[in-house]
Amino acid sequence: MIGKGLSNREIAFALSIAEATVKIHVSAVIRMLGVRNRTEAALLAPTILKGKI
């Protein structure tokens, strides 16, 4: 969903979870990918989804 450009609020709504929960998980994803921000994570998403990483 980050790769599709959804905001934390939009992701929270789609998954029926709290926005704060999304923020925690997005931060964890950013840290695990070793990127600086959600934009870099979004740019990396197509590569990850194709199984190249």
PDB file of N, CA and C in Angstrom:
ATOM      1  N   MET A   1       0.818  -1.197   0.000  1.00  0.00           N
ATOM      2  CA  MET A   1       0.000   0.000   0.000  1.00  0.00           C
ATOM      3  C   MET A   1       0.861   1.260   0.000  1.00  0.00           C
ATOM      4  N   ILE A   2       2.028   1.149   0.628  1.00  0.00           N
ATOM      5  CA  ILE A   2       2.969   2.270   0.575  1.00  0.00           C
ATOM      6  C   ILE A   2       3.379   2.493  -0.875  1.00  0.00           C
ATOM      7  N   GLY A   3       3.633   1.396  -1.580  1.00  0.00           N
ATOM      8  CA  GLY A   3       4.040   1.465  -2.985  1.00  0.00           C
ATOM      9  C   GLY A   3       2.988   2.083  -3.882  1.00  0.00           C
ATOM     10  N   LYS A   4       1.739   1.988  -3.470  1.00  0.00           N
ATOM     11  CA  LYS A   4       0.650   2.586  -4.234  1.00  0.00           C
ATOM     12  C   LYS A   4       0.438   4.045  -3.875  1.00  0.00           C
ATOM     13  N   GLY A   5       1.200   4.530  -2.886  1.00  0.00           N
ATOM     14  CA  GLY A   5       1.121   5.936  -2.518  1.00  0.00           C
ATOM     15  C   GLY A   5       0.058   6.269  -1.487  1.00  0.00           C
ATOM     16  N   LEU A   6      -0.474   5.255  -0.810  1.00  0.00           N
ATOM     17  CA  LEU A   6      -1.496   5.511   0.197  1.00  0.00           C
ATOM     18  C   LEU A   6      -0.881   6.132   1.449  1.00  0.00           C
ATOM     19  N   SER A   7      -1.641   7.008   2.056  1.00  0.00           N
ATOM     20  CA  SER A   7      -1.209   7.634   3.311  1.00  0.00           C
ATOM     21  C   SER A   7      -1.455   6.667   4.462  1.00  0.00           C
ATOM     22  N   ASN A   8      -0.883   6.984   5.617  1.00  0.00           N
ATOM     23  CA  ASN A   8      -1.128   6.151   6.800  1.00  0.00           C
ATOM     24  C   ASN A   8      -2.615   6.060   7.095  1.00  0.00           C
ATOM     25  N   ARG A   9      -3.308   7.157   6.967  1.00  0.00           N
ATOM     26  CA  ARG A   9      -4.749   7.192   7.234  1.00  0.00           C
ATOM     27  C   ARG A   9      -5.498   6.275   6.265  1.00  0.00           C
ATOM     28  N   GLU A  10      -5.145   6.325   4.993  1.00  0.00           N
ATOM     29  CA  GLU A  10      -5.811   5.481   3.999  1.00  0.00           C
ATOM     30  C   GLU A  10      -5.521   3.999   4.241  1.00  0.00           C
ATOM     31  N   ILE A  11      -4.284   3.693   4.604  1.00  0.00           N
ATOM     32  CA  ILE A  11      -3.920   2.309   4.908  1.00  0.00           C
ATOM     33  C   ILE A  11      -4.690   1.828   6.129  1.00  0.00           C
ATOM     34  N   ALA A  12      -4.760   2.659   7.154  1.00  0.00           N
ATOM     35  CA  ALA A  12      -5.483   2.299   8.378  1.00  0.00           C
ATOM     36  C   ALA A  12      -6.950   2.014   8.073  1.00  0.00           C
ATOM     37  N   PHE A  13      -7.548   2.847   7.270  1.00  0.00           N
ATOM     38  CA  PHE A  13      -8.949   2.654   6.914  1.00  0.00           C
ATOM     39  C   PHE A  13      -9.139   1.351   6.145  1.00  0.00           C
ATOM     40  N   ALA A  14      -8.267   1.096   5.174  1.00  0.00           N
ATOM     41  CA  ALA A  14      -8.373  -0.121   4.349  1.00  0.00           C
ATOM     42  C   ALA A  14      -8.203  -1.389   5.173  1.00  0.00           C
ATOM     43  N   LEU A  15      -7.370  -1.333   6.193  1.00  0.00           N
ATOM     44  CA  LEU A  15      -7.097  -2.511   7.015  1.00  0.00           C
ATOM     45  C   LEU A  15      -7.910  -2.547   8.309  1.00  0.00           C
ATOM     46  N   SER A  16      -8.700  -1.523   8.535  1.00  0.00           N
ATOM     47  CA  SER A  16      -9.516  -1.403   9.758  1.00  0.00           C
ATOM     48  C   SER A  16      -8.664  -1.484  11.025  1.00  0.00           C
ATOM     49  N   ILE A  17      -7.571  -0.713  11.016  1.00  0.00           N
ATOM     50  CA  ILE A  17      -6.695  -0.625  12.183  1.00  0.00           C
ATOM     51  C   ILE A  17      -6.438   0.839  12.480  1.00  0.00           C
ATOM     52  N   ALA A  18      -5.841   1.114  13.622  1.00  0.00           N
ATOM     53  CA  ALA A  18      -5.556   2.492  14.012  1.00  0.00           C
ATOM     54  C   ALA A  18      -4.415   3.076  13.175  1.00  0.00           C
ATOM     55  N   GLU A  19      -4.507   4.356  12.917  1.00  0.00           N
ATOM     56  CA  GLU A  19      -3.465   5.047  12.161  1.00  0.00           C
ATOM     57  C   GLU A  19      -2.114   4.952  12.869  1.00  0.00           C
ATOM     58  N   ALA A  20      -2.127   4.993  14.195  1.00  0.00           N
ATOM     59  CA  ALA A  20      -0.881   4.872  14.961  1.00  0.00           C
ATOM     60  C   ALA A  20      -0.225   3.512  14.724  1.00  0.00           C
ATOM     61  N   THR A  21      -1.035   2.472  14.570  1.00  0.00           N
ATOM     62  CA  THR A  21      -0.506   1.134  14.292  1.00  0.00           C
ATOM     63  C   THR A  21       0.177   1.109  12.932  1.00  0.00           C
ATOM     64  N   VAL A  22      -0.433   1.744  11.961  1.00  0.00           N
ATOM     65  CA  VAL A  22       0.161   1.828  10.622  1.00  0.00           C
ATOM     66  C   VAL A  22       1.492   2.551  10.700  1.00  0.00           C
ATOM     67  N   LYS A  23       1.536   3.644  11.436  1.00  0.00           N
ATOM     68  CA  LYS A  23       2.760   4.432  11.567  1.00  0.00           C
ATOM     69  C   LYS A  23       3.899   3.579  12.128  1.00  0.00           C
ATOM     70  N   ILE A  24       3.594   2.774  13.127  1.00  0.00           N
ATOM     71  CA  ILE A  24       4.607   1.896  13.723  1.00  0.00           C
ATOM     72  C   ILE A  24       5.127   0.902  12.688  1.00  0.00           C
ATOM     73  N   HIS A  25       4.211   0.292  11.948  1.00  0.00           N
ATOM     74  CA  HIS A  25       4.616  -0.715  10.967  1.00  0.00           C
ATOM     75  C   HIS A  25       5.356  -0.097   9.775  1.00  0.00           C
ATOM     76  N   VAL A  26       4.915   1.070   9.341  1.00  0.00           N
ATOM     77  CA  VAL A  26       5.609   1.752   8.245  1.00  0.00           C
ATOM     78  C   VAL A  26       7.036   2.088   8.676  1.00  0.00           C
ATOM     79  N   SER A  27       7.199   2.557   9.893  1.00  0.00           N
ATOM     80  CA  SER A  27       8.542   2.855  10.401  1.00  0.00           C
ATOM     81  C   SER A  27       9.409   1.605  10.421  1.00  0.00           C
ATOM     82  N   ALA A  28       8.824   0.488  10.823  1.00  0.00           N
ATOM     83  CA  ALA A  28       9.569  -0.778  10.847  1.00  0.00           C
ATOM     84  C   ALA A  28       9.967  -1.212   9.445  1.00  0.00           C
ATOM     85  N   VAL A  29       9.078  -1.062   8.490  1.00  0.00           N
ATOM     86  CA  VAL A  29       9.376  -1.421   7.100  1.00  0.00           C
ATOM     87  C   VAL A  29      10.506  -0.555   6.560  1.00  0.00           C
ATOM     88  N   ILE A  30      10.433   0.736   6.817  1.00  0.00           N
ATOM     89  CA  ILE A  30      11.474   1.659   6.360  1.00  0.00           C
ATOM     90  C   ILE A  30      12.823   1.266   6.946  1.00  0.00           C
ATOM     91  N   ARG A  31      12.825   0.958   8.240  1.00  0.00           N
ATOM     92  CA  ARG A  31      14.066   0.553   8.907  1.00  0.00           C
ATOM     93  C   ARG A  31      14.596  -0.759   8.329  1.00  0.00           C
ATOM     94  N   MET A  32      13.727  -1.738   8.119  1.00  0.00           N
ATOM     95  CA  MET A  32      14.142  -3.050   7.608  1.00  0.00           C
ATOM     96  C   MET A  32      14.676  -2.965   6.178  1.00  0.00           C
ATOM     97  N   LEU A  33      14.108  -2.068   5.386  1.00  0.00           N
ATOM     98  CA  LEU A  33      14.565  -1.914   4.003  1.00  0.00           C
ATOM     99  C   LEU A  33      15.846  -1.096   3.906  1.00  0.00           C
ATOM    100  N   GLY A  34      16.156  -0.388   4.977  1.00  0.00           N
ATOM    101  CA  GLY A  34      17.352   0.436   4.974  1.00  0.00           C
ATOM    102  C   GLY A  34      17.216   1.683   4.120  1.00  0.00           C
ATOM    103  N   VAL A  35      15.994   2.186   4.018  1.00  0.00           N
ATOM    104  CA  VAL A  35      15.761   3.413   3.260  1.00  0.00           C
ATOM    105  C   VAL A  35      15.519   4.561   4.229  1.00  0.00           C
ATOM    106  N   ARG A  36      15.534   5.773   3.704  1.00  0.00           N
ATOM    107  CA  ARG A  36      15.417   6.949   4.559  1.00  0.00           C
ATOM    108  C   ARG A  36      13.988   7.409   4.808  1.00  0.00           C
ATOM    109  N   ASN A  37      13.081   7.092   3.884  1.00  0.00           N
ATOM    110  CA  ASN A  37      11.709   7.577   4.039  1.00  0.00           C
ATOM    111  C   ASN A  37      10.729   6.712   3.242  1.00  0.00           C
ATOM    112  N   ARG A  38       9.448   7.009   3.372  1.00  0.00           N
ATOM    113  CA  ARG A  38       8.430   6.190   2.707  1.00  0.00           C
ATOM    114  C   ARG A  38       8.479   6.345   1.197  1.00  0.00           C
ATOM    115  N   THR A  39       8.980   7.471   0.696  1.00  0.00           N
ATOM    116  CA  THR A  39       9.120   7.640  -0.747  1.00  0.00           C
ATOM    117  C   THR A  39      10.116   6.642  -1.303  1.00  0.00           C
ATOM    118  N   GLU A  40      11.253   6.493  -0.639  1.00  0.00           N
ATOM    119  CA  GLU A  40      12.237   5.502  -1.074  1.00  0.00           C
ATOM    120  C   GLU A  40      11.670   4.094  -0.953  1.00  0.00           C
ATOM    121  N   ALA A  41      10.917   3.835   0.096  1.00  0.00           N
ATOM    122  CA  ALA A  41      10.281   2.521   0.266  1.00  0.00           C
ATOM    123  C   ALA A  41       9.301   2.261  -0.876  1.00  0.00           C
ATOM    124  N   ALA A  42       8.536   3.280  -1.253  1.00  0.00           N
ATOM    125  CA  ALA A  42       7.575   3.140  -2.344  1.00  0.00           C
ATOM    126  C   ALA A  42       8.272   2.875  -3.672  1.00  0.00           C
ATOM    127  N   LEU A  43       9.407   3.518  -3.874  1.00  0.00           N
ATOM    128  CA  LEU A  43      10.157   3.301  -5.109  1.00  0.00           C
ATOM    129  C   LEU A  43      10.763   1.903  -5.163  1.00  0.00           C
ATOM    130  N   LEU A  44      11.060   1.362  -4.011  1.00  0.00           N
ATOM    131  CA  LEU A  44      11.650   0.023  -3.915  1.00  0.00           C
ATOM    132  C   LEU A  44      10.582  -1.074  -3.995  1.00  0.00           C
ATOM    133  N   ALA A  45       9.333  -0.730  -3.733  1.00  0.00           N
ATOM    134  CA  ALA A  45       8.245  -1.707  -3.665  1.00  0.00           C
ATOM    135  C   ALA A  45       8.116  -2.587  -4.909  1.00  0.00           C
ATOM    136  N   PRO A  46       8.155  -2.055  -6.122  1.00  0.00           N
ATOM    137  CA  PRO A  46       8.006  -2.932  -7.282  1.00  0.00           C
ATOM    138  C   PRO A  46       9.095  -4.003  -7.366  1.00  0.00           C
ATOM    139  N   THR A  47      10.300  -3.664  -6.982  1.00  0.00           N
ATOM    140  CA  THR A  47      11.399  -4.629  -6.981  1.00  0.00           C
ATOM    141  C   THR A  47      11.153  -5.720  -5.944  1.00  0.00           C
ATOM    142  N   ILE A  48      10.704  -5.310  -4.776  1.00  0.00           N
ATOM    143  CA  ILE A  48      10.445  -6.267  -3.695  1.00  0.00           C
ATOM    144  C   ILE A  48       9.315  -7.199  -4.081  1.00  0.00           C
ATOM    145  N   LEU A  49       8.259  -6.647  -4.650  1.00  0.00           N
ATOM    146  CA  LEU A  49       7.103  -7.454  -4.993  1.00  0.00           C
ATOM    147  C   LEU A  49       7.392  -8.443  -6.113  1.00  0.00           C
ATOM    148  N   LYS A  50       8.404  -8.178  -6.911  1.00  0.00           N
ATOM    149  CA  LYS A  50       8.801  -9.109  -7.966  1.00  0.00           C
ATOM    150  C   LYS A  50       9.782 -10.151  -7.465  1.00  0.00           C
ATOM    151  N   GLY A  51      10.129 -10.082  -6.181  1.00  0.00           N
ATOM    152  CA  GLY A  51      11.005 -11.076  -5.578  1.00  0.00           C
ATOM    153  C   GLY A  51      12.474 -10.915  -5.916  1.00  0.00           C
ATOM    154  N   LYS A  52      12.875  -9.710  -6.279  1.00  0.00           N
ATOM    155  CA  LYS A  52      14.281  -9.478  -6.633  1.00  0.00           C
ATOM    156  C   LYS A  52      15.136  -9.148  -5.438  1.00  0.00           C
ATOM    157  N   ILE A  53      14.509  -8.931  -4.285  1.00  0.00           N
ATOM    158  CA  ILE A  53      15.294  -8.632  -3.068  1.00  0.00           C
ATOM    159  C   ILE A  53      15.077  -9.742  -2.089  1.00  0.00           C
TER     160      ILE A  53
END
